Amino acid sequence: MQTSIPAPHSAAPADLRLQLLLVLGVSLGASAVYAVLDLVEVMLQSSVAQSTATLNQPLSSVALVDALRRLAGIGFALVPVVLALYLMAGTARGIPGVLRGIGVDARRPVRDLLWGAALFAVMGGGTLALYHAGRALGVTAQITTSTLENTWWTVPLLVLSALRHSLVEEVIVVAFLCDRMRGLGRRWWTIAVVSAVVRASYHLYQGFGPALGNLVMGLVFVWVYRRGGRLMPLLVAHALLDTVGFLAPQLLAG
């Protein structure tokens, strides 16, 4: 059954635009700018095919300090998520209501898990296919998901990092962006395209293949969110994609 997404809170168009710029500017919008610059640098110096993108690399040569820096990074990355929810709610007390409204709750755990698993399977298979095709065509970087030292806390930190990426991207690029753009009177197809382009842009440091894959993923995710009215399946799918990708090198290395 289709669940309708709550109507966005009324606000002046100028306020909605500023909120979009502020939230994106302190989160994924900034990441997009740096990703584009990274891609330009690679293309000027060599080629995308010869470049390497490492998703999880040490932040310190001291293992404990690396873990603490990683935890701090996860915590600070979630601040824009809270900011987006606060802006959508209008008050701190209204945040739980917003979470229920966008479907981040435990009301439908089985359905959310099934949809999330299905999205994970489809998106995961498509991602691998596009990655290998991009490598063959020379438009995708060699991606290393993790070069972290194997310690007892490495796997938990990688799982937390995957959850962080899931929350940041889906809350901001789907729920918040959709809510603000709907408040501006934009049509759903426009919202889907904008959301997908933003998602693709901050993956450009990996090359054009992953960017294309994330563009498709963005379109599918907005469609699923609009149709089901729940963000939980997207959170589940994204968390599974990143968890499997991050942990594979660690598990294969023993």
Protein backbone atom coordinates (compact mmCIF):
# COMPACT_ATOMS: atom_id res chain seq x y z
CA MET A 1 0.00 0.00 0.00
CA GLN A 2 1.28 3.46 -0.89
CA THR A 3 1.88 5.76 2.07
CA SER A 4 1.70 9.49 1.47
CA ILE A 5 4.59 11.68 2.58
CA PRO A 6 3.49 14.48 4.92
CA ALA A 7 3.07 17.89 3.33
CA PRO A 8 6.10 20.13 3.85
CA HIS A 9 5.91 22.86 6.45
CA SER A 10 5.01 26.21 4.95
CA ALA A 11 7.83 28.75 4.80
CA ALA A 12 8.88 31.60 2.56
CA PRO A 13 10.61 30.44 -0.66
CA ALA A 14 13.71 32.44 0.23
CA ASP A 15 13.93 30.63 3.57
CA LEU A 16 13.57 27.22 1.93
CA ARG A 17 16.29 28.00 -0.62
CA LEU A 18 18.62 29.28 2.10
CA GLN A 19 18.00 26.18 4.20
CA LEU A 20 18.88 23.97 1.25
CA LEU A 21 22.08 25.89 0.60
CA LEU A 22 23.10 25.86 4.26
CA VAL A 23 22.50 22.16 4.88
CA LEU A 24 24.12 21.10 1.61
CA GLY A 25 26.94 23.60 2.14
CA VAL A 26 27.97 21.99 5.42
CA SER A 27 27.54 18.42 4.21
CA LEU A 28 27.18 16.75 0.83
CA GLY A 29 27.25 19.92 -1.25
CA ALA A 30 30.74 20.62 0.03
CA SER A 31 31.70 17.00 -0.66
CA ALA A 32 30.43 17.42 -4.23
CA VAL A 33 32.65 20.45 -4.84
CA TYR A 34 35.74 18.65 -3.53
CA ALA A 35 34.86 15.54 -5.55
CA VAL A 36 34.68 17.59 -8.75
CA LEU A 37 38.01 19.24 -7.95
CA ASP A 38 39.58 15.85 -7.26
CA LEU A 39 38.33 14.58 -10.62
CA VAL A 40 39.67 17.67 -12.44
CA GLU A 41 43.06 17.24 -10.75
CA VAL A 42 43.25 13.58 -11.78
CA MET A 43 42.30 14.34 -15.38
CA LEU A 44 44.89 17.13 -15.61
CA GLN A 45 47.70 15.05 -14.13
CA SER A 46 47.08 11.61 -15.64
CA SER A 47 43.80 9.80 -16.29
CA VAL A 48 40.87 8.44 -14.33
CA ALA A 49 41.85 4.85 -15.19
CA GLN A 50 45.27 5.33 -13.56
CA SER A 51 43.90 6.89 -10.38
CA THR A 52 42.99 5.20 -7.10
CA ALA A 53 40.22 6.11 -4.67
CA THR A 54 40.51 4.80 -1.11
CA LEU A 55 37.28 5.05 0.85
CA ASN A 56 38.58 4.21 4.33
CA GLN A 57 42.21 4.98 5.02
CA PRO A 58 44.08 5.56 8.30
CA LEU A 59 43.74 9.00 9.88
CA SER A 60 46.73 8.43 12.17
CA SER A 61 49.68 6.07 12.43
CA VAL A 62 48.65 5.46 16.06
CA ALA A 63 45.81 2.92 16.03
CA LEU A 64 43.98 4.33 19.06
CA VAL A 65 44.16 7.91 17.78
CA ASP A 66 42.94 6.72 14.39
CA ALA A 67 39.92 5.10 16.06
CA LEU A 68 39.14 8.23 18.09
CA ARG A 69 39.44 10.48 15.04
CA ARG A 70 37.16 8.13 13.13
CA LEU A 71 34.57 8.23 15.90
CA ALA A 72 34.78 12.03 16.04
CA GLY A 73 34.34 12.22 12.27
CA ILE A 74 31.23 10.06 12.43
CA GLY A 75 29.77 12.22 15.20
CA PHE A 76 30.42 15.53 13.44
CA ALA A 77 29.09 14.17 10.13
CA LEU A 78 25.73 13.53 11.80
CA VAL A 79 25.34 17.17 12.89
CA PRO A 80 23.96 18.27 9.47
CA VAL A 81 21.46 15.40 9.71
CA VAL A 82 20.15 16.74 13.01
CA LEU A 83 20.13 20.25 11.52
CA ALA A 84 18.04 19.07 8.56
CA LEU A 85 15.56 17.32 10.85
CA TYR A 86 15.36 20.39 13.09
CA LEU A 87 14.64 22.66 10.12
CA MET A 88 11.95 20.28 8.91
CA ALA A 89 10.38 20.11 12.38
CA GLY A 90 10.66 23.79 13.31
CA THR A 91 11.28 22.89 16.96
CA ALA A 92 13.42 20.36 18.79
CA ARG A 93 10.31 18.69 20.22
CA GLY A 94 8.97 18.22 16.71
CA ILE A 95 11.88 16.05 15.49
CA PRO A 96 10.32 12.72 16.60
CA GLY A 97 7.21 13.63 14.63
CA VAL A 98 9.29 14.37 11.55
CA LEU A 99 11.05 11.01 11.88
CA ARG A 100 7.70 9.25 11.98
CA GLY A 101 6.48 11.33 9.06
CA ILE A 102 9.40 10.35 6.81
CA GLY A 103 9.19 6.73 7.91
CA VAL A 104 12.23 6.43 10.16
CA ASP A 105 10.68 4.26 12.85
CA ALA A 106 9.95 0.64 13.71
CA ARG A 107 6.30 0.49 12.64
CA ARG A 108 6.95 -1.79 9.63
CA PRO A 109 10.21 -3.62 10.29
CA VAL A 110 9.57 -6.65 8.08
CA ARG A 111 8.42 -4.65 5.05
CA ASP A 112 11.26 -2.15 5.47
CA LEU A 113 13.85 -4.93 5.70
CA LEU A 114 12.46 -6.74 2.67
CA TRP A 115 12.37 -3.59 0.54
CA GLY A 116 15.83 -2.65 1.77
CA ALA A 117 17.23 -6.09 0.98
CA ALA A 118 15.68 -6.01 -2.49
CA LEU A 119 17.12 -2.57 -3.20
CA PHE A 120 20.49 -3.74 -1.90
CA ALA A 121 20.49 -6.73 -4.25
CA VAL A 122 19.50 -4.70 -7.31
CA MET A 123 21.73 -1.70 -6.59
CA GLY A 124 24.63 -3.87 -5.48
CA GLY A 125 24.57 -5.93 -8.66
CA GLY A 126 24.26 -2.83 -10.82
CA THR A 127 27.07 -1.10 -8.97
CA LEU A 128 29.47 -3.99 -9.53
CA ALA A 129 28.56 -4.20 -13.21
CA LEU A 130 29.06 -0.47 -13.77
CA TYR A 131 32.33 -0.53 -11.84
CA HIS A 132 33.83 -3.28 -13.98
CA ALA A 133 32.48 -1.70 -17.16
CA GLY A 134 33.93 1.65 -16.11
CA ARG A 135 37.32 0.09 -15.41
CA ALA A 136 37.30 -1.60 -18.81
CA LEU A 137 36.43 1.71 -20.50
CA GLY A 138 38.99 3.66 -18.48
CA VAL A 139 36.48 6.04 -16.89
CA THR A 140 36.50 4.65 -13.34
CA ALA A 141 39.23 4.80 -10.73
CA GLN A 142 40.62 1.74 -8.98
CA ILE A 143 38.55 1.72 -5.79
CA THR A 144 39.97 0.38 -2.54
CA THR A 145 37.27 0.28 0.10
CA SER A 146 39.57 -0.01 3.12
CA THR A 147 43.26 0.03 4.00
CA LEU A 148 42.74 0.10 7.76
CA GLU A 149 44.84 -1.97 10.12
CA ASN A 150 43.12 -5.08 11.44
CA THR A 151 42.27 -4.45 15.09
CA TRP A 152 39.33 -5.58 17.21
CA TRP A 153 37.59 -2.25 16.66
CA THR A 154 38.13 -1.99 12.89
CA VAL A 155 34.97 -3.88 11.90
CA PRO A 156 32.67 -2.02 14.36
CA LEU A 157 34.05 1.32 13.15
CA LEU A 158 33.51 0.38 9.51
CA VAL A 159 29.93 -0.63 10.30
CA LEU A 160 29.38 2.69 12.09
CA SER A 161 30.88 4.48 9.10
CA ALA A 162 28.46 2.67 6.78
CA LEU A 163 25.53 3.68 9.01
CA ARG A 164 26.82 7.26 9.02
CA HIS A 165 26.90 7.41 5.23
CA SER A 166 23.42 5.93 5.04
CA LEU A 167 21.92 8.46 7.46
CA VAL A 168 23.70 11.49 6.01
CA GLU A 169 22.91 10.75 2.39
CA GLU A 170 19.33 9.50 2.68
CA VAL A 171 18.11 12.04 5.25
CA ILE A 172 19.68 15.01 3.47
CA VAL A 173 19.60 14.11 -0.25
CA VAL A 174 16.20 12.40 -0.13
CA ALA A 175 14.02 13.38 2.84
CA PHE A 176 15.22 16.95 3.43
CA LEU A 177 15.78 17.87 -0.21
CA CYS A 178 12.38 16.45 -1.21
CA ASP A 179 10.65 18.29 1.64
CA ARG A 180 12.22 21.67 0.86
CA MET A 181 11.78 21.37 -2.91
CA ARG A 182 8.16 20.32 -2.51
CA GLY A 183 7.72 23.42 -0.39
CA LEU A 184 9.07 25.40 -3.34
CA GLY A 185 6.39 23.85 -5.55
CA ARG A 186 8.72 21.70 -7.63
CA ARG A 187 7.39 18.62 -9.41
CA TRP A 188 8.49 15.17 -8.33
CA TRP A 189 10.42 14.44 -11.53
CA THR A 190 12.41 17.65 -11.02
CA ILE A 191 13.08 16.71 -7.40
CA ALA A 192 14.23 13.23 -8.43
CA VAL A 193 16.65 14.59 -11.02
CA VAL A 194 18.13 17.18 -8.64
CA SER A 195 18.51 14.62 -5.87
CA ALA A 196 20.14 12.12 -8.23
CA VAL A 197 22.55 14.71 -9.67
CA VAL A 198 23.62 15.79 -6.19
CA ARG A 199 24.16 12.15 -5.19
CA ALA A 200 26.19 11.48 -8.33
CA SER A 201 28.30 14.62 -7.97
CA TYR A 202 29.88 13.79 -4.62
CA HIS A 203 30.94 10.39 -6.00
CA LEU A 204 32.80 11.86 -8.98
CA TYR A 205 36.17 11.43 -7.26
CA GLN A 206 35.68 7.71 -7.98
CA GLY A 207 35.24 8.36 -11.69
CA PHE A 208 32.33 8.51 -14.10
CA GLY A 209 31.18 4.89 -13.64
CA PRO A 210 30.32 5.20 -9.93
CA ALA A 211 28.81 8.63 -10.58
CA LEU A 212 26.50 7.13 -13.20
CA GLY A 213 25.59 4.30 -10.85
CA ASN A 214 24.73 6.74 -8.09
CA LEU A 215 22.70 8.84 -10.52
CA VAL A 216 20.52 5.82 -11.27
CA MET A 217 20.42 4.92 -7.58
CA GLY A 218 19.27 8.44 -6.76
CA LEU A 219 16.40 8.28 -9.23
CA VAL A 220 15.29 4.87 -7.93
CA PHE A 221 15.54 5.91 -4.28
CA VAL A 222 13.40 9.02 -4.74
CA TRP A 223 10.82 6.95 -6.63
CA VAL A 224 10.71 4.37 -3.81
CA TYR A 225 10.49 7.12 -1.18
CA ARG A 226 7.64 8.86 -2.97
CA ARG A 227 5.76 5.63 -3.56
CA GLY A 228 6.18 4.14 -0.10
CA GLY A 229 6.49 7.29 1.98
CA ARG A 230 9.20 5.69 4.13
CA LEU A 231 12.92 6.34 4.33
CA MET A 232 13.75 3.15 6.28
CA PRO A 233 14.10 0.88 3.20
CA LEU A 234 16.59 3.33 1.71
CA LEU A 235 18.54 3.47 4.97
CA VAL A 236 18.65 -0.33 5.13
CA ALA A 237 19.73 -0.71 1.51
CA HIS A 238 22.43 1.96 1.74
CA ALA A 239 23.77 0.61 5.04
CA LEU A 240 23.99 -2.89 3.56
CA LEU A 241 25.75 -1.66 0.41
CA ASP A 242 28.41 0.23 2.37
CA THR A 243 28.80 -2.40 5.09
CA VAL A 244 29.45 -5.18 2.58
CA GLY A 245 31.76 -2.96 0.53
CA PHE A 246 33.73 -1.77 3.56
CA LEU A 247 34.05 -5.13 5.27
CA ALA A 248 34.93 -7.29 2.27
CA PRO A 249 38.67 -6.41 2.28
CA GLN A 250 38.88 -6.83 6.05
CA LEU A 251 37.17 -10.24 6.04
CA LEU A 252 39.09 -11.51 3.02
CA ALA A 253 42.36 -10.39 4.64
CA GLY A 254 41.44 -12.35 7.76
